[in-house]
Amino acid sequence: ATKDCVAKTLKRLEDKIRGR
């Protein structure tokens, strides 16, 4: 149940880094 949290955080971080 941690992979889901990590995947969500990773996607959010990538979006932030992309500049969204």
Protein backbone atom coordinates (compact mmCIF):
# COMPACT_ATOMS: atom_id res chain seq x y z
CA ALA A 1 0.00 0.00 0.00
CA THR A 2 3.09 2.16 -0.19
CA LYS A 3 3.75 1.74 -3.91
CA ASP A 4 0.48 3.53 -4.64
CA CYS A 5 1.41 6.48 -2.43
CA VAL A 6 4.88 6.66 -3.95
CA ALA A 7 3.52 6.45 -7.49
CA LYS A 8 1.05 9.26 -6.78
CA THR A 9 3.71 11.44 -5.19
CA LEU A 10 6.11 10.75 -8.03
CA LYS A 11 3.54 11.73 -10.62
CA ARG A 12 2.71 14.91 -8.71
CA LEU A 13 6.41 15.77 -8.35
CA GLU A 14 7.01 15.22 -12.04
CA ASP A 15 4.12 17.54 -12.84
CA LYS A 16 5.53 20.19 -10.52
CA ILE A 17 9.00 19.85 -12.04
CA ARG A 18 7.49 20.09 -15.53
CA GLY A 19 6.16 23.49 -14.47
CA ARG A 20 2.44 22.88 -14.27
